[in-house]
Amino acid sequence: FFSGKGKPPRNDDELTEFVGNILALYLNNPGRNLATARQQLSDKPISFYAFGSQNAADAAAQNDQTVLLHLIKAPVLIVSGRHDWICPIAVAERMHAGIENSTLEIFEKSGHLPWIEEPTKFRSQIFHFLT
């Protein structure tokens, strides 16, 4: 699919299968965490409609939304995995710089799924932020 040789997913089942096939790319340590990720993320099919709608909304946004970050006044916890290639640290740092009342927590041993790769630290940070 990424090479242009495969057909893109067309429904919930195909999208769920596709994500299952590339899930290891979202983990810092797939050897240790892939089984857990598959277990936690395979309860229900992934919505092809929601996925397509999000992609369409992203494509339609022709403006730099980072210029609006300063308008966010609520406390914000920004969570980022050090080894996340989809949402790299630079993106998290940009959000943190733009949101005055934000906290940035970097999970050094995680990719895109820190709640799976560092669950104890993740729960602790969420609990601390909410209290």
N, C-alpha and C. Protein backbone atom coordinates (compact mmCIF):
# COMPACT_ATOMS: atom_id res chain seq x y z
N PHE A 1 0.83 -1.20 0.00
CA PHE A 1 0.00 0.00 0.00
C PHE A 1 0.87 1.26 0.00
N PHE A 2 1.87 1.33 0.87
CA PHE A 2 2.73 2.51 0.94
C PHE A 2 3.56 2.68 -0.33
N SER A 3 3.87 1.58 -1.00
CA SER A 3 4.67 1.64 -2.22
C SER A 3 3.83 1.99 -3.44
N GLY A 4 2.51 1.98 -3.29
CA GLY A 4 1.62 2.25 -4.40
C GLY A 4 1.25 0.99 -5.18
N LYS A 5 1.75 -0.16 -4.74
CA LYS A 5 1.48 -1.41 -5.44
C LYS A 5 0.26 -2.15 -4.89
N GLY A 6 -0.13 -1.82 -3.68
CA GLY A 6 -1.27 -2.49 -3.07
C GLY A 6 -2.51 -1.62 -3.12
N LYS A 7 -3.65 -2.25 -2.98
CA LYS A 7 -4.91 -1.51 -2.96
C LYS A 7 -5.13 -0.95 -1.56
N PRO A 8 -5.60 0.28 -1.48
CA PRO A 8 -5.90 0.84 -0.15
C PRO A 8 -7.10 0.13 0.47
N PRO A 9 -7.16 0.11 1.79
CA PRO A 9 -8.32 -0.49 2.46
C PRO A 9 -9.61 0.17 2.00
N ARG A 10 -10.69 -0.65 1.90
CA ARG A 10 -11.98 -0.14 1.41
C ARG A 10 -13.11 -0.26 2.41
N ASN A 11 -12.85 -0.91 3.54
CA ASN A 11 -13.91 -1.09 4.52
C ASN A 11 -13.29 -1.32 5.90
N ASP A 12 -14.13 -1.45 6.91
CA ASP A 12 -13.64 -1.63 8.29
C ASP A 12 -12.71 -2.83 8.42
N ASP A 13 -13.10 -3.96 7.84
CA ASP A 13 -12.29 -5.18 7.98
C ASP A 13 -10.93 -5.03 7.32
N GLU A 14 -10.88 -4.46 6.13
CA GLU A 14 -9.60 -4.28 5.45
C GLU A 14 -8.72 -3.28 6.17
N LEU A 15 -9.30 -2.20 6.69
CA LEU A 15 -8.52 -1.22 7.43
C LEU A 15 -7.98 -1.83 8.73
N THR A 16 -8.79 -2.60 9.41
CA THR A 16 -8.37 -3.26 10.65
C THR A 16 -7.21 -4.22 10.36
N GLU A 17 -7.33 -4.97 9.27
CA GLU A 17 -6.26 -5.90 8.89
C GLU A 17 -4.98 -5.14 8.54
N PHE A 18 -5.11 -4.05 7.79
CA PHE A 18 -3.96 -3.24 7.40
C PHE A 18 -3.24 -2.69 8.63
N VAL A 19 -3.99 -2.10 9.55
CA VAL A 19 -3.39 -1.55 10.77
C VAL A 19 -2.72 -2.66 11.57
N GLY A 20 -3.34 -3.81 11.63
CA GLY A 20 -2.73 -4.94 12.32
C GLY A 20 -1.40 -5.34 11.71
N ASN A 21 -1.30 -5.22 10.39
CA ASN A 21 -0.06 -5.59 9.69
C ASN A 21 1.06 -4.58 9.91
N ILE A 22 0.73 -3.32 10.16
CA ILE A 22 1.77 -2.30 10.34
C ILE A 22 1.91 -1.85 11.80
N LEU A 23 1.17 -2.47 12.69
CA LEU A 23 1.15 -2.05 14.09
C LEU A 23 2.54 -2.00 14.72
N ALA A 24 3.42 -2.91 14.35
CA ALA A 24 4.77 -2.93 14.92
C ALA A 24 5.52 -1.62 14.66
N LEU A 25 5.19 -0.91 13.57
CA LEU A 25 5.86 0.35 13.26
C LEU A 25 5.57 1.44 14.29
N TYR A 26 4.50 1.29 15.04
CA TYR A 26 4.08 2.30 16.00
C TYR A 26 4.67 2.06 17.39
N LEU A 27 5.47 1.02 17.53
CA LEU A 27 6.03 0.65 18.83
C LEU A 27 7.54 0.83 18.84
N ASN A 28 8.07 1.26 19.97
CA ASN A 28 9.51 1.33 20.15
C ASN A 28 10.09 -0.07 20.30
N ASN A 29 9.40 -0.94 21.01
CA ASN A 29 9.87 -2.30 21.26
C ASN A 29 8.79 -3.31 20.87
N PRO A 30 8.64 -3.57 19.56
CA PRO A 30 7.58 -4.49 19.15
C PRO A 30 7.78 -5.91 19.67
N GLY A 31 9.02 -6.33 19.86
CA GLY A 31 9.26 -7.67 20.38
C GLY A 31 8.63 -7.88 21.74
N ARG A 32 8.61 -6.84 22.55
CA ARG A 32 8.04 -6.92 23.89
C ARG A 32 6.57 -6.52 23.93
N ASN A 33 6.15 -5.63 23.04
CA ASN A 33 4.83 -5.00 23.21
C ASN A 33 3.81 -5.28 22.11
N LEU A 34 4.20 -5.96 21.04
CA LEU A 34 3.27 -6.15 19.92
C LEU A 34 2.06 -6.99 20.31
N ALA A 35 2.27 -8.05 21.06
CA ALA A 35 1.13 -8.90 21.45
C ALA A 35 0.13 -8.11 22.28
N THR A 36 0.63 -7.30 23.21
CA THR A 36 -0.26 -6.48 24.04
C THR A 36 -1.00 -5.46 23.18
N ALA A 37 -0.29 -4.83 22.26
CA ALA A 37 -0.93 -3.84 21.38
C ALA A 37 -2.02 -4.48 20.54
N ARG A 38 -1.73 -5.65 19.99
CA ARG A 38 -2.75 -6.34 19.19
C ARG A 38 -3.96 -6.70 20.04
N GLN A 39 -3.70 -7.16 21.26
CA GLN A 39 -4.80 -7.53 22.15
C GLN A 39 -5.66 -6.32 22.48
N GLN A 40 -5.04 -5.21 22.84
CA GLN A 40 -5.79 -4.03 23.25
C GLN A 40 -6.49 -3.33 22.09
N LEU A 41 -5.94 -3.43 20.91
CA LEU A 41 -6.49 -2.70 19.77
C LEU A 41 -7.35 -3.54 18.85
N SER A 42 -7.53 -4.82 19.16
CA SER A 42 -8.28 -5.68 18.24
C SER A 42 -9.68 -6.02 18.74
N ASP A 43 -10.13 -5.36 19.77
CA ASP A 43 -11.46 -5.65 20.31
C ASP A 43 -12.57 -5.36 19.30
N LYS A 44 -12.39 -4.28 18.54
CA LYS A 44 -13.42 -3.86 17.59
C LYS A 44 -12.75 -3.46 16.28
N PRO A 45 -13.47 -3.54 15.19
CA PRO A 45 -12.89 -3.09 13.92
C PRO A 45 -12.65 -1.58 13.95
N ILE A 46 -11.67 -1.16 13.17
CA ILE A 46 -11.39 0.27 13.03
C ILE A 46 -12.35 0.84 12.00
N SER A 47 -12.96 1.95 12.31
CA SER A 47 -13.97 2.54 11.43
C SER A 47 -13.33 3.15 10.19
N PHE A 48 -13.60 2.56 9.05
CA PHE A 48 -13.11 3.10 7.79
C PHE A 48 -13.70 4.48 7.53
N TYR A 49 -14.97 4.65 7.88
CA TYR A 49 -15.64 5.95 7.71
C TYR A 49 -14.94 7.04 8.52
N ALA A 50 -14.67 6.77 9.80
CA ALA A 50 -14.01 7.76 10.65
C ALA A 50 -12.60 8.06 10.15
N PHE A 51 -11.88 7.01 9.76
CA PHE A 51 -10.52 7.18 9.26
C PHE A 51 -10.52 8.05 8.00
N GLY A 52 -11.42 7.76 7.07
CA GLY A 52 -11.51 8.54 5.85
C GLY A 52 -11.95 9.98 6.10
N SER A 53 -12.87 10.16 7.02
CA SER A 53 -13.33 11.51 7.35
C SER A 53 -12.22 12.34 7.98
N GLN A 54 -11.42 11.73 8.86
CA GLN A 54 -10.30 12.45 9.46
C GLN A 54 -9.28 12.84 8.40
N ASN A 55 -8.97 11.93 7.50
CA ASN A 55 -8.02 12.25 6.42
C ASN A 55 -8.55 13.37 5.53
N ALA A 56 -9.85 13.34 5.23
CA ALA A 56 -10.44 14.39 4.40
C ALA A 56 -10.40 15.74 5.12
N ALA A 57 -10.68 15.74 6.41
CA ALA A 57 -10.63 16.99 7.19
C ALA A 57 -9.20 17.53 7.23
N ASP A 58 -8.23 16.63 7.43
CA ASP A 58 -6.83 17.07 7.43
C ASP A 58 -6.44 17.68 6.09
N ALA A 59 -6.86 17.04 5.00
CA ALA A 59 -6.53 17.54 3.67
C ALA A 59 -7.21 18.87 3.37
N ALA A 60 -8.40 19.06 3.92
CA ALA A 60 -9.16 20.29 3.66
C ALA A 60 -8.63 21.49 4.45
N ALA A 61 -7.96 21.24 5.56
CA ALA A 61 -7.44 22.33 6.39
C ALA A 61 -6.24 22.95 5.69
N GLN A 62 -6.47 24.09 5.09
CA GLN A 62 -5.42 24.75 4.33
C GLN A 62 -4.74 25.87 5.11
N ASN A 63 -4.93 25.87 6.42
CA ASN A 63 -4.33 26.94 7.21
C ASN A 63 -3.45 26.35 8.31
N ASP A 64 -2.57 27.17 8.83
CA ASP A 64 -1.67 26.77 9.91
C ASP A 64 -2.41 26.92 11.23
N GLN A 65 -2.87 25.81 11.78
CA GLN A 65 -3.66 25.87 13.00
C GLN A 65 -2.80 26.10 14.24
N THR A 66 -1.48 25.99 14.10
CA THR A 66 -0.62 26.25 15.26
C THR A 66 -0.69 27.72 15.71
N VAL A 67 -1.10 28.61 14.82
CA VAL A 67 -1.20 30.02 15.20
C VAL A 67 -2.34 30.25 16.19
N LEU A 68 -3.21 29.25 16.37
CA LEU A 68 -4.33 29.37 17.30
C LEU A 68 -4.05 28.75 18.67
N LEU A 69 -2.90 28.11 18.83
CA LEU A 69 -2.61 27.42 20.09
C LEU A 69 -2.68 28.33 21.30
N HIS A 70 -2.29 29.58 21.14
CA HIS A 70 -2.29 30.52 22.28
C HIS A 70 -3.71 30.78 22.81
N LEU A 71 -4.73 30.44 22.05
CA LEU A 71 -6.11 30.64 22.49
C LEU A 71 -6.56 29.58 23.49
N ILE A 72 -5.83 28.50 23.59
CA ILE A 72 -6.19 27.42 24.51
C ILE A 72 -5.79 27.85 25.92
N LYS A 73 -6.76 27.95 26.80
CA LYS A 73 -6.51 28.42 28.17
C LYS A 73 -6.62 27.30 29.20
N ALA A 74 -7.25 26.20 28.85
CA ALA A 74 -7.40 25.07 29.78
C ALA A 74 -6.05 24.39 29.97
N PRO A 75 -5.85 23.77 31.11
CA PRO A 75 -4.63 22.98 31.30
C PRO A 75 -4.61 21.83 30.28
N VAL A 76 -3.44 21.58 29.72
CA VAL A 76 -3.30 20.56 28.68
C VAL A 76 -2.09 19.68 29.02
N LEU A 77 -2.30 18.38 28.95
CA LEU A 77 -1.20 17.43 29.08
C LEU A 77 -0.87 16.93 27.68
N ILE A 78 0.34 17.15 27.24
CA ILE A 78 0.81 16.69 25.94
C ILE A 78 1.69 15.48 26.19
N VAL A 79 1.32 14.35 25.61
CA VAL A 79 2.03 13.09 25.80
C VAL A 79 2.69 12.73 24.47
N SER A 80 3.97 12.39 24.53
CA SER A 80 4.68 12.03 23.30
C SER A 80 5.69 10.93 23.58
N GLY A 81 5.73 9.95 22.68
CA GLY A 81 6.75 8.91 22.76
C GLY A 81 8.01 9.36 22.04
N ARG A 82 9.15 9.15 22.65
CA ARG A 82 10.43 9.57 22.07
C ARG A 82 10.63 8.97 20.67
N HIS A 83 10.12 7.78 20.43
CA HIS A 83 10.36 7.07 19.17
C HIS A 83 9.12 7.03 18.27
N ASP A 84 8.26 8.03 18.40
CA ASP A 84 7.04 8.12 17.61
C ASP A 84 7.34 8.81 16.29
N TRP A 85 7.25 8.07 15.19
CA TRP A 85 7.54 8.64 13.88
C TRP A 85 6.32 9.31 13.26
N ILE A 86 5.14 9.02 13.76
CA ILE A 86 3.92 9.63 13.24
C ILE A 86 3.72 11.03 13.83
N CYS A 87 3.92 11.15 15.13
CA CYS A 87 3.81 12.43 15.84
C CYS A 87 5.13 12.67 16.59
N PRO A 88 6.15 13.15 15.89
CA PRO A 88 7.47 13.28 16.50
C PRO A 88 7.53 14.32 17.63
N ILE A 89 8.57 14.22 18.42
CA ILE A 89 8.78 15.11 19.55
C ILE A 89 8.69 16.58 19.13
N ALA A 90 9.20 16.91 17.96
CA ALA A 90 9.16 18.30 17.51
C ALA A 90 7.73 18.84 17.46
N VAL A 91 6.78 18.01 17.10
CA VAL A 91 5.37 18.42 17.07
C VAL A 91 4.88 18.67 18.49
N ALA A 92 5.20 17.77 19.40
CA ALA A 92 4.79 17.94 20.80
C ALA A 92 5.42 19.19 21.39
N GLU A 93 6.69 19.42 21.09
CA GLU A 93 7.37 20.62 21.61
C GLU A 93 6.74 21.89 21.05
N ARG A 94 6.33 21.88 19.79
CA ARG A 94 5.67 23.05 19.18
C ARG A 94 4.33 23.31 19.86
N MET A 95 3.58 22.25 20.13
CA MET A 95 2.32 22.43 20.84
C MET A 95 2.56 22.98 22.24
N HIS A 96 3.53 22.43 22.92
CA HIS A 96 3.84 22.87 24.28
C HIS A 96 4.26 24.35 24.30
N ALA A 97 5.06 24.75 23.33
CA ALA A 97 5.49 26.15 23.25
C ALA A 97 4.30 27.09 22.97
N GLY A 98 3.31 26.60 22.25
CA GLY A 98 2.18 27.45 21.88
C GLY A 98 1.05 27.49 22.88
N ILE A 99 0.99 26.52 23.79
CA ILE A 99 -0.10 26.45 24.77
C ILE A 99 0.49 26.82 26.14
N GLU A 100 0.12 27.98 26.62
CA GLU A 100 0.71 28.52 27.84
C GLU A 100 0.58 27.60 29.05
N ASN A 101 -0.58 27.04 29.23
CA ASN A 101 -0.85 26.23 30.43
C ASN A 101 -0.74 24.73 30.10
N SER A 102 0.39 24.35 29.47
CA SER A 102 0.54 22.95 29.07
C SER A 102 1.72 22.30 29.79
N THR A 103 1.62 21.00 29.89
CA THR A 103 2.68 20.17 30.43
C THR A 103 3.06 19.17 29.36
N LEU A 104 4.35 19.04 29.10
CA LEU A 104 4.83 18.08 28.11
C LEU A 104 5.48 16.91 28.83
N GLU A 105 5.00 15.72 28.55
CA GLU A 105 5.56 14.50 29.14
C GLU A 105 6.05 13.61 28.01
N ILE A 106 7.36 13.40 27.97
CA ILE A 106 7.96 12.55 26.95
C ILE A 106 8.23 11.18 27.55
N PHE A 107 7.76 10.17 26.85
CA PHE A 107 7.95 8.78 27.27
C PHE A 107 9.14 8.22 26.49
N GLU A 108 10.25 8.09 27.18
CA GLU A 108 11.53 7.76 26.56
C GLU A 108 11.57 6.36 25.94
N LYS A 109 10.76 5.44 26.39
CA LYS A 109 10.81 4.06 25.90
C LYS A 109 9.60 3.72 25.04
N SER A 110 8.95 4.73 24.46
CA SER A 110 7.71 4.51 23.72
C SER A 110 7.77 5.07 22.31
N GLY A 111 6.92 4.47 21.47
CA GLY A 111 6.63 5.01 20.16
C GLY A 111 5.31 5.77 20.26
N HIS A 112 4.36 5.42 19.39
CA HIS A 112 3.08 6.13 19.31
C HIS A 112 2.08 5.68 20.39
N LEU A 113 2.40 4.62 21.12
CA LEU A 113 1.44 4.03 22.06
C LEU A 113 2.03 3.93 23.47
N PRO A 114 2.29 5.05 24.13
CA PRO A 114 2.93 4.98 25.45
C PRO A 114 2.10 4.28 26.52
N TRP A 115 0.78 4.27 26.39
CA TRP A 115 -0.06 3.58 27.37
C TRP A 115 0.14 2.07 27.30
N ILE A 116 0.67 1.58 26.18
CA ILE A 116 0.99 0.17 26.04
C ILE A 116 2.44 -0.10 26.41
N GLU A 117 3.36 0.77 25.98
CA GLU A 117 4.77 0.51 26.21
C GLU A 117 5.27 0.92 27.59
N GLU A 118 4.65 1.92 28.18
CA GLU A 118 5.03 2.35 29.53
C GLU A 118 3.77 2.59 30.35
N PRO A 119 2.99 1.54 30.57
CA PRO A 119 1.67 1.71 31.19
C PRO A 119 1.71 2.28 32.61
N THR A 120 2.67 1.89 33.41
CA THR A 120 2.73 2.39 34.79
C THR A 120 3.01 3.88 34.79
N LYS A 121 4.00 4.31 34.03
CA LYS A 121 4.32 5.73 33.96
C LYS A 121 3.16 6.52 33.34
N PHE A 122 2.54 5.94 32.31
CA PHE A 122 1.43 6.62 31.65
C PHE A 122 0.28 6.86 32.63
N ARG A 123 -0.12 5.81 33.34
CA ARG A 123 -1.21 5.96 34.32
C ARG A 123 -0.84 6.97 35.40
N SER A 124 0.40 6.93 35.84
CA SER A 124 0.86 7.86 36.88
C SER A 124 0.77 9.30 36.40
N GLN A 125 1.22 9.56 35.17
CA GLN A 125 1.20 10.92 34.63
C GLN A 125 -0.24 11.42 34.43
N ILE A 126 -1.11 10.55 33.95
CA ILE A 126 -2.51 10.93 33.77
C ILE A 126 -3.13 11.25 35.12
N PHE A 127 -2.92 10.37 36.10
CA PHE A 127 -3.48 10.57 37.45
C PHE A 127 -2.95 11.89 38.03
N HIS A 128 -1.64 12.12 37.92
CA HIS A 128 -1.04 13.33 38.49
C HIS A 128 -1.63 14.58 37.80
N PHE A 129 -1.76 14.52 36.49
CA PHE A 129 -2.31 15.67 35.75
C PHE A 129 -3.75 15.95 36.16
N LEU A 130 -4.55 14.90 36.29
CA LEU A 130 -5.97 15.09 36.61
C LEU A 130 -6.20 15.51 38.06
N THR A 131 -5.27 15.20 38.94
CA THR A 131 -5.44 15.60 40.34
C THR A 131 -4.83 16.98 40.55
